[in-house]
Amino acid sequence: MVIKNNVTRMLEAKDIAYSPYDLPNKKLSALEVADFLGIEPELVFKTIVALRPGSGKPILALVPSTYEVDLKSLSRVLGEKKVKLASQKEAETLTGLQTGGISPLALLQKGFTVVIDNSIELQAEIYISGGQRGLNICLPTEALIRLTNASIHPITRNRV
């Protein structure tokens, strides 16, 4: 049975085509999600929570499962001297979501800055968390970019 939540209801209300996928209700890496769904790993984007120094808005960096976020590149595109990765506890506290279920679509009104790796431009659609563990959704890349008001930049390094 496919999960319904605020993310799926919002997509339906905005008449955005998406496909939901049930996953095991445990923390899976983006690579494990790709393997479970039987899709190319470059199609699964993971959401990484990063922090600015001081009290600036937290950042959601979306990168393909096969890469890591490059904090220097992310800092540069945001005009920051330095950003750091949030710990699992910090990410869960800031987002109100469990790691493995953090989705930019569940956080649209929460003040996060969203930056997506420019490799998204190679994909017509991508897979991201649906806002909770056990739910992944596939949606058009243009819809994700528009809904999140994301900026697109090269922010990855080191293939995993």
N, C-alpha and C. Protein backbone atom coordinates (compact mmCIF):
# COMPACT_ATOMS: atom_id res chain seq x y z
N MET A 1 0.85 -1.18 0.00
CA MET A 1 0.00 0.00 0.00
C MET A 1 0.89 1.24 0.00
N VAL A 2 0.66 2.13 -0.94
CA VAL A 2 1.48 3.33 -1.05
C VAL A 2 1.05 4.35 0.00
N ILE A 3 2.04 4.94 0.63
CA ILE A 3 1.82 5.91 1.69
C ILE A 3 1.29 7.22 1.12
N LYS A 4 0.34 7.82 1.80
CA LYS A 4 -0.13 9.18 1.50
C LYS A 4 0.34 10.07 2.64
N ASN A 5 0.89 11.23 2.29
CA ASN A 5 1.31 12.18 3.32
C ASN A 5 1.19 13.60 2.77
N ASN A 6 1.70 14.57 3.49
CA ASN A 6 1.58 15.96 3.05
C ASN A 6 2.26 16.21 1.71
N VAL A 7 3.37 15.53 1.44
CA VAL A 7 4.07 15.71 0.17
C VAL A 7 3.21 15.21 -0.98
N THR A 8 2.68 14.00 -0.87
CA THR A 8 1.88 13.47 -1.97
C THR A 8 0.59 14.26 -2.15
N ARG A 9 -0.01 14.69 -1.05
CA ARG A 9 -1.23 15.50 -1.16
C ARG A 9 -0.95 16.85 -1.82
N MET A 10 0.21 17.45 -1.50
CA MET A 10 0.59 18.73 -2.11
C MET A 10 0.81 18.56 -3.62
N LEU A 11 1.50 17.50 -4.01
CA LEU A 11 1.73 17.26 -5.44
C LEU A 11 0.42 17.05 -6.18
N GLU A 12 -0.50 16.31 -5.57
CA GLU A 12 -1.80 16.10 -6.19
C GLU A 12 -2.59 17.41 -6.29
N ALA A 13 -2.55 18.22 -5.24
CA ALA A 13 -3.28 19.50 -5.24
C ALA A 13 -2.74 20.44 -6.32
N LYS A 14 -1.44 20.35 -6.60
CA LYS A 14 -0.83 21.20 -7.62
C LYS A 14 -0.84 20.53 -8.99
N ASP A 15 -1.48 19.38 -9.08
CA ASP A 15 -1.61 18.63 -10.33
C ASP A 15 -0.25 18.32 -10.96
N ILE A 16 0.68 17.89 -10.11
CA ILE A 16 2.01 17.51 -10.58
C ILE A 16 2.09 15.99 -10.64
N ALA A 17 2.44 15.49 -11.81
CA ALA A 17 2.55 14.04 -11.99
C ALA A 17 3.73 13.52 -11.17
N TYR A 18 3.49 12.43 -10.46
CA TYR A 18 4.55 11.79 -9.68
C TYR A 18 4.21 10.32 -9.54
N SER A 19 5.21 9.53 -9.24
CA SER A 19 5.00 8.11 -8.97
C SER A 19 5.56 7.80 -7.59
N PRO A 20 4.73 7.28 -6.69
CA PRO A 20 5.21 6.93 -5.35
C PRO A 20 5.73 5.49 -5.32
N TYR A 21 6.70 5.23 -4.47
CA TYR A 21 7.26 3.89 -4.31
C TYR A 21 7.41 3.57 -2.84
N ASP A 22 6.84 2.44 -2.44
CA ASP A 22 7.02 1.96 -1.07
C ASP A 22 8.40 1.33 -0.95
N LEU A 23 9.07 1.65 0.14
CA LEU A 23 10.37 1.08 0.45
C LEU A 23 10.29 0.43 1.83
N PRO A 24 11.27 -0.38 2.18
CA PRO A 24 11.30 -0.87 3.57
C PRO A 24 11.34 0.32 4.53
N ASN A 25 10.62 0.21 5.63
CA ASN A 25 10.51 1.32 6.58
C ASN A 25 11.73 1.35 7.50
N LYS A 26 12.90 1.54 6.90
CA LYS A 26 14.15 1.68 7.64
C LYS A 26 15.04 2.64 6.87
N LYS A 27 16.07 3.11 7.50
CA LYS A 27 16.97 4.06 6.85
C LYS A 27 17.75 3.34 5.76
N LEU A 28 17.56 3.79 4.52
CA LEU A 28 18.30 3.26 3.38
C LEU A 28 19.15 4.36 2.78
N SER A 29 20.32 4.01 2.29
CA SER A 29 21.12 4.99 1.56
C SER A 29 20.47 5.19 0.19
N ALA A 30 20.82 6.27 -0.47
CA ALA A 30 20.28 6.52 -1.81
C ALA A 30 20.70 5.42 -2.78
N LEU A 31 21.90 4.88 -2.61
CA LEU A 31 22.35 3.77 -3.45
C LEU A 31 21.50 2.52 -3.20
N GLU A 32 21.15 2.28 -1.95
CA GLU A 32 20.29 1.14 -1.62
C GLU A 32 18.89 1.33 -2.21
N VAL A 33 18.40 2.58 -2.22
CA VAL A 33 17.10 2.87 -2.83
C VAL A 33 17.14 2.54 -4.32
N ALA A 34 18.19 2.98 -5.01
CA ALA A 34 18.32 2.71 -6.44
C ALA A 34 18.33 1.20 -6.70
N ASP A 35 19.08 0.48 -5.89
CA ASP A 35 19.16 -0.97 -6.03
C ASP A 35 17.80 -1.62 -5.78
N PHE A 36 17.12 -1.19 -4.72
CA PHE A 36 15.80 -1.73 -4.38
C PHE A 36 14.80 -1.50 -5.51
N LEU A 37 14.84 -0.29 -6.10
CA LEU A 37 13.89 0.06 -7.16
C LEU A 37 14.33 -0.46 -8.53
N GLY A 38 15.58 -0.92 -8.63
CA GLY A 38 16.08 -1.43 -9.90
C GLY A 38 16.29 -0.33 -10.94
N ILE A 39 16.77 0.83 -10.48
CA ILE A 39 16.98 1.96 -11.39
C ILE A 39 18.44 2.41 -11.34
N GLU A 40 18.82 3.23 -12.31
CA GLU A 40 20.17 3.77 -12.35
C GLU A 40 20.40 4.65 -11.12
N PRO A 41 21.52 4.51 -10.42
CA PRO A 41 21.76 5.29 -9.21
C PRO A 41 21.82 6.80 -9.45
N GLU A 42 22.15 7.23 -10.66
CA GLU A 42 22.21 8.67 -10.96
C GLU A 42 20.84 9.33 -10.91
N LEU A 43 19.78 8.52 -10.92
CA LEU A 43 18.42 9.06 -10.88
C LEU A 43 17.94 9.33 -9.46
N VAL A 44 18.61 8.75 -8.47
CA VAL A 44 18.20 8.93 -7.07
C VAL A 44 19.05 10.04 -6.46
N PHE A 45 18.38 11.08 -6.01
CA PHE A 45 19.07 12.20 -5.37
C PHE A 45 18.83 12.14 -3.87
N LYS A 46 19.92 12.34 -3.13
CA LYS A 46 19.81 12.37 -1.67
C LYS A 46 19.81 13.81 -1.20
N THR A 47 19.16 14.05 -0.07
CA THR A 47 19.07 15.39 0.51
C THR A 47 20.02 15.47 1.69
N ILE A 48 20.97 16.40 1.59
CA ILE A 48 21.98 16.60 2.62
C ILE A 48 21.68 17.94 3.31
N VAL A 49 21.65 17.93 4.63
CA VAL A 49 21.42 19.16 5.39
C VAL A 49 22.79 19.75 5.74
N ALA A 50 22.97 21.03 5.39
CA ALA A 50 24.21 21.73 5.71
C ALA A 50 23.87 22.99 6.49
N LEU A 51 24.86 23.46 7.26
CA LEU A 51 24.66 24.61 8.13
C LEU A 51 25.62 25.73 7.78
N ARG A 52 25.11 26.95 7.85
CA ARG A 52 25.94 28.14 7.68
C ARG A 52 26.51 28.51 9.04
N PRO A 53 27.61 29.26 9.03
CA PRO A 53 28.11 29.74 10.33
C PRO A 53 27.11 30.74 10.92
N GLY A 54 27.04 30.81 12.21
CA GLY A 54 26.12 31.76 12.83
C GLY A 54 24.69 31.28 12.72
N SER A 55 23.80 32.20 12.37
CA SER A 55 22.38 31.86 12.39
C SER A 55 21.73 31.95 11.02
N GLY A 56 22.48 31.78 9.95
CA GLY A 56 21.90 31.82 8.61
C GLY A 56 20.97 30.65 8.36
N LYS A 57 20.17 30.78 7.30
CA LYS A 57 19.22 29.71 6.95
C LYS A 57 19.96 28.41 6.67
N PRO A 58 19.43 27.29 7.18
CA PRO A 58 20.02 25.99 6.85
C PRO A 58 19.86 25.71 5.35
N ILE A 59 20.65 24.78 4.87
CA ILE A 59 20.71 24.47 3.44
C ILE A 59 20.32 23.02 3.21
N LEU A 60 19.56 22.78 2.15
CA LEU A 60 19.30 21.43 1.68
C LEU A 60 20.04 21.30 0.36
N ALA A 61 21.03 20.43 0.32
CA ALA A 61 21.79 20.18 -0.90
C ALA A 61 21.36 18.84 -1.46
N LEU A 62 20.90 18.83 -2.70
CA LEU A 62 20.47 17.59 -3.33
C LEU A 62 21.53 17.15 -4.33
N VAL A 63 22.02 15.94 -4.13
CA VAL A 63 23.08 15.41 -4.98
C VAL A 63 22.74 13.97 -5.37
N PRO A 64 23.24 13.52 -6.53
CA PRO A 64 22.98 12.14 -6.93
C PRO A 64 23.58 11.16 -5.94
N SER A 65 22.97 9.99 -5.85
CA SER A 65 23.41 8.98 -4.88
C SER A 65 24.86 8.56 -5.08
N THR A 66 25.38 8.73 -6.25
CA THR A 66 26.73 8.27 -6.57
C THR A 66 27.81 9.28 -6.23
N TYR A 67 27.44 10.44 -5.69
CA TYR A 67 28.41 11.48 -5.37
C TYR A 67 28.23 12.00 -3.95
N GLU A 68 29.22 12.75 -3.50
CA GLU A 68 29.16 13.44 -2.22
C GLU A 68 29.04 14.94 -2.48
N VAL A 69 28.47 15.65 -1.53
CA VAL A 69 28.41 17.10 -1.65
C VAL A 69 29.81 17.67 -1.40
N ASP A 70 30.20 18.62 -2.21
CA ASP A 70 31.48 19.32 -2.05
C ASP A 70 31.20 20.60 -1.26
N LEU A 71 31.59 20.63 0.01
CA LEU A 71 31.27 21.76 0.88
C LEU A 71 31.92 23.05 0.41
N LYS A 72 33.10 22.98 -0.19
CA LYS A 72 33.74 24.20 -0.70
C LYS A 72 32.93 24.78 -1.85
N SER A 73 32.49 23.94 -2.77
CA SER A 73 31.67 24.41 -3.88
C SER A 73 30.34 24.96 -3.38
N LEU A 74 29.73 24.27 -2.43
CA LEU A 74 28.46 24.72 -1.87
C LEU A 74 28.64 26.07 -1.19
N SER A 75 29.70 26.23 -0.42
CA SER A 75 29.99 27.51 0.24
C SER A 75 30.13 28.63 -0.79
N ARG A 76 30.89 28.34 -1.83
CA ARG A 76 31.16 29.34 -2.87
C ARG A 76 29.87 29.82 -3.55
N VAL A 77 28.99 28.88 -3.95
CA VAL A 77 27.77 29.28 -4.65
C VAL A 77 26.79 30.03 -3.75
N LEU A 78 26.93 29.83 -2.44
CA LEU A 78 26.06 30.53 -1.50
C LEU A 78 26.68 31.84 -0.99
N GLY A 79 27.92 32.10 -1.39
CA GLY A 79 28.60 33.32 -0.93
C GLY A 79 28.99 33.24 0.53
N GLU A 80 29.21 32.03 1.03
CA GLU A 80 29.59 31.83 2.42
C GLU A 80 31.08 31.49 2.49
N LYS A 81 31.70 31.83 3.59
CA LYS A 81 33.09 31.46 3.80
C LYS A 81 33.23 29.95 3.97
N LYS A 82 32.28 29.39 4.72
CA LYS A 82 32.34 27.98 5.02
C LYS A 82 30.95 27.49 5.41
N VAL A 83 30.61 26.27 5.02
CA VAL A 83 29.41 25.60 5.51
C VAL A 83 29.87 24.23 6.03
N LYS A 84 29.04 23.64 6.89
CA LYS A 84 29.38 22.32 7.41
C LYS A 84 28.17 21.41 7.32
N LEU A 85 28.45 20.11 7.28
CA LEU A 85 27.37 19.14 7.27
C LEU A 85 26.72 19.10 8.65
N ALA A 86 25.43 19.00 8.66
CA ALA A 86 24.72 18.81 9.92
C ALA A 86 24.91 17.37 10.37
N SER A 87 24.99 17.15 11.66
CA SER A 87 25.02 15.79 12.18
C SER A 87 23.62 15.20 11.96
N GLN A 88 23.50 13.88 12.12
CA GLN A 88 22.20 13.24 11.97
C GLN A 88 21.20 13.87 12.93
N LYS A 89 21.62 14.08 14.17
CA LYS A 89 20.72 14.66 15.18
C LYS A 89 20.32 16.09 14.79
N GLU A 90 21.30 16.90 14.35
CA GLU A 90 21.00 18.28 13.93
C GLU A 90 20.04 18.28 12.74
N ALA A 91 20.29 17.41 11.77
CA ALA A 91 19.42 17.34 10.59
C ALA A 91 17.99 16.99 10.98
N GLU A 92 17.84 16.02 11.87
CA GLU A 92 16.51 15.61 12.29
C GLU A 92 15.82 16.69 13.12
N THR A 93 16.57 17.39 13.96
CA THR A 93 16.00 18.47 14.77
C THR A 93 15.57 19.64 13.88
N LEU A 94 16.42 20.03 12.95
CA LEU A 94 16.11 21.16 12.07
C LEU A 94 14.94 20.89 11.13
N THR A 95 14.85 19.67 10.62
CA THR A 95 13.82 19.36 9.63
C THR A 95 12.55 18.79 10.24
N GLY A 96 12.67 18.18 11.41
CA GLY A 96 11.53 17.48 11.99
C GLY A 96 11.27 16.15 11.31
N LEU A 97 12.21 15.70 10.48
CA LEU A 97 12.09 14.44 9.74
C LEU A 97 13.24 13.51 10.09
N GLN A 98 13.01 12.22 9.97
CA GLN A 98 14.07 11.25 10.21
C GLN A 98 15.02 11.23 9.00
N THR A 99 16.32 11.04 9.27
CA THR A 99 17.24 10.85 8.16
C THR A 99 16.79 9.62 7.40
N GLY A 100 16.97 9.67 6.10
CA GLY A 100 16.43 8.64 5.23
C GLY A 100 15.04 9.01 4.74
N GLY A 101 14.47 10.07 5.30
CA GLY A 101 13.14 10.52 4.89
C GLY A 101 13.09 12.02 4.71
N ILE A 102 14.25 12.68 4.72
CA ILE A 102 14.28 14.14 4.57
C ILE A 102 14.05 14.50 3.10
N SER A 103 13.07 15.34 2.86
CA SER A 103 12.70 15.73 1.51
C SER A 103 12.52 17.24 1.44
N PRO A 104 13.06 17.88 0.41
CA PRO A 104 12.83 19.32 0.27
C PRO A 104 11.35 19.64 0.08
N LEU A 105 10.58 18.70 -0.44
CA LEU A 105 9.15 18.94 -0.66
C LEU A 105 8.36 18.96 0.63
N ALA A 106 8.89 18.35 1.68
CA ALA A 106 8.23 18.37 2.98
C ALA A 106 8.60 19.62 3.76
N LEU A 107 9.54 20.41 3.23
CA LEU A 107 10.08 21.55 3.97
C LEU A 107 9.93 22.87 3.21
N LEU A 108 8.97 22.94 2.32
CA LEU A 108 8.83 24.11 1.45
C LEU A 108 8.63 25.41 2.21
N GLN A 109 7.94 25.39 3.31
CA GLN A 109 7.63 26.62 4.05
C GLN A 109 8.51 26.78 5.29
N LYS A 110 9.63 26.08 5.35
CA LYS A 110 10.45 26.08 6.55
C LYS A 110 11.70 26.95 6.46
N GLY A 111 11.90 27.68 5.36
CA GLY A 111 13.01 28.62 5.27
C GLY A 111 14.35 28.03 4.88
N PHE A 112 14.37 26.84 4.33
CA PHE A 112 15.63 26.25 3.88
C PHE A 112 16.03 26.81 2.52
N THR A 113 17.32 26.99 2.30
CA THR A 113 17.85 27.32 0.98
C THR A 113 18.11 25.98 0.30
N VAL A 114 17.60 25.83 -0.92
CA VAL A 114 17.76 24.56 -1.64
C VAL A 114 18.71 24.76 -2.82
N VAL A 115 19.74 23.91 -2.85
CA VAL A 115 20.70 23.91 -3.95
C VAL A 115 20.76 22.48 -4.49
N ILE A 116 20.61 22.35 -5.80
CA ILE A 116 20.63 21.04 -6.44
C ILE A 116 21.84 20.97 -7.37
N ASP A 117 22.51 19.82 -7.33
CA ASP A 117 23.66 19.64 -8.22
C ASP A 117 23.22 19.75 -9.67
N ASN A 118 24.08 20.37 -10.48
CA ASN A 118 23.72 20.62 -11.87
C ASN A 118 23.57 19.35 -12.71
N SER A 119 23.96 18.20 -12.19
CA SER A 119 23.73 16.96 -12.93
C SER A 119 22.24 16.67 -13.10
N ILE A 120 21.40 17.35 -12.33
CA ILE A 120 19.95 17.19 -12.47
C ILE A 120 19.50 17.60 -13.88
N GLU A 121 20.25 18.49 -14.49
CA GLU A 121 19.89 18.97 -15.83
C GLU A 121 19.97 17.86 -16.88
N LEU A 122 20.62 16.76 -16.55
CA LEU A 122 20.74 15.62 -17.47
C LEU A 122 19.55 14.67 -17.36
N GLN A 123 18.69 14.90 -16.38
CA GLN A 123 17.58 13.98 -16.10
C GLN A 123 16.23 14.65 -16.31
N ALA A 124 15.33 13.96 -16.97
CA ALA A 124 13.96 14.47 -17.14
C ALA A 124 13.17 14.32 -15.85
N GLU A 125 13.48 13.27 -15.09
CA GLU A 125 12.82 13.05 -13.81
C GLU A 125 13.83 12.41 -12.87
N ILE A 126 13.59 12.62 -11.57
CA ILE A 126 14.46 12.03 -10.56
C ILE A 126 13.62 11.45 -9.42
N TYR A 127 14.29 10.67 -8.60
CA TYR A 127 13.69 10.04 -7.43
C TYR A 127 14.25 10.72 -6.18
N ILE A 128 13.37 11.11 -5.27
CA ILE A 128 13.78 11.71 -4.00
C ILE A 128 12.91 11.12 -2.89
N SER A 129 13.31 11.38 -1.67
CA SER A 129 12.50 10.95 -0.54
C SER A 129 11.15 11.64 -0.59
N GLY A 130 10.15 10.92 -0.16
CA GLY A 130 8.79 11.46 -0.14
C GLY A 130 8.42 12.12 1.18
N GLY A 131 9.41 12.39 2.03
CA GLY A 131 9.13 13.10 3.28
C GLY A 131 9.01 12.21 4.50
N GLN A 132 9.26 10.92 4.32
CA GLN A 132 9.30 10.01 5.44
C GLN A 132 9.98 8.72 4.99
N ARG A 133 10.56 8.02 5.96
CA ARG A 133 11.16 6.74 5.63
C ARG A 133 10.10 5.81 5.06
N GLY A 134 10.48 5.05 4.06
CA GLY A 134 9.55 4.10 3.46
C GLY A 134 8.81 4.63 2.26
N LEU A 135 9.06 5.89 1.88
CA LEU A 135 8.39 6.47 0.72
C LEU A 135 9.39 7.22 -0.14
N ASN A 136 9.44 6.86 -1.41
CA ASN A 136 10.26 7.57 -2.37
C ASN A 136 9.33 7.97 -3.50
N ILE A 137 9.61 9.12 -4.12
CA ILE A 137 8.77 9.55 -5.23
C ILE A 137 9.63 9.91 -6.43
N CYS A 138 9.07 9.68 -7.59
CA CYS A 138 9.70 10.08 -8.84
C CYS A 138 8.85 11.22 -9.40
N LEU A 139 9.51 12.31 -9.77
CA LEU A 139 8.79 13.44 -10.33
C LEU A 139 9.65 14.16 -11.35
N PRO A 140 9.03 14.98 -12.20
CA PRO A 140 9.81 15.73 -13.20
C PRO A 140 10.78 16.68 -12.52
N THR A 141 11.98 16.77 -13.06
CA THR A 141 12.99 17.64 -12.46
C THR A 141 12.54 19.09 -12.45
N GLU A 142 11.89 19.52 -13.52
CA GLU A 142 11.46 20.93 -13.58
C GLU A 142 10.47 21.24 -12.47
N ALA A 143 9.63 20.28 -12.12
CA ALA A 143 8.66 20.50 -11.04
C ALA A 143 9.36 20.64 -9.70
N LEU A 144 10.35 19.79 -9.46
CA LEU A 144 11.11 19.88 -8.21
C LEU A 144 11.82 21.22 -8.11
N ILE A 145 12.47 21.63 -9.17
CA ILE A 145 13.20 22.91 -9.17
C ILE A 145 12.25 24.07 -8.91
N ARG A 146 11.12 24.05 -9.58
CA ARG A 146 10.14 25.14 -9.44
C ARG A 146 9.54 25.17 -8.03
N LEU A 147 9.13 24.03 -7.52
CA LEU A 147 8.49 23.97 -6.20
C LEU A 147 9.43 24.40 -5.08
N THR A 148 10.70 24.03 -5.18
CA THR A 148 11.66 24.32 -4.12
C THR A 148 12.37 25.65 -4.32
N ASN A 149 12.15 26.28 -5.47
CA ASN A 149 12.86 27.52 -5.80
C ASN A 149 14.37 27.32 -5.68
N ALA A 150 14.81 26.16 -6.14
CA ALA A 150 16.21 25.77 -6.00
C ALA A 150 17.12 26.50 -6.98
N SER A 151 18.36 26.65 -6.57
CA SER A 151 19.38 27.10 -7.50
C SER A 151 20.15 25.85 -7.93
N ILE A 152 20.68 25.88 -9.14
CA ILE A 152 21.35 24.72 -9.73
C ILE A 152 22.82 25.07 -9.93
N HIS A 153 23.71 24.28 -9.32
CA HIS A 153 25.15 24.53 -9.40
C HIS A 153 25.90 23.21 -9.31
N PRO A 154 27.15 23.18 -9.79
CA PRO A 154 27.97 21.98 -9.57
C PRO A 154 28.42 21.96 -8.11
N ILE A 155 27.90 21.00 -7.34
CA ILE A 155 28.22 20.95 -5.89
C ILE A 155 28.64 19.56 -5.44
N THR A 156 29.14 18.73 -6.37
CA THR A 156 29.54 17.38 -5.97
C THR A 156 31.03 17.15 -6.17
N ARG A 157 31.48 16.09 -5.53
CA ARG A 157 32.86 15.62 -5.68
C ARG A 157 32.89 14.13 -5.43
N ASN A 158 33.97 13.52 -5.78
CA ASN A 158 34.27 12.11 -5.45
C ASN A 158 33.10 11.16 -5.62
N ARG A 159 33.11 10.52 -6.72
CA ARG A 159 32.10 9.48 -6.95
C ARG A 159 32.18 8.46 -5.82
N VAL A 160 31.04 8.09 -5.25
CA VAL A 160 30.98 7.15 -4.12
C VAL A 160 31.34 5.74 -4.58
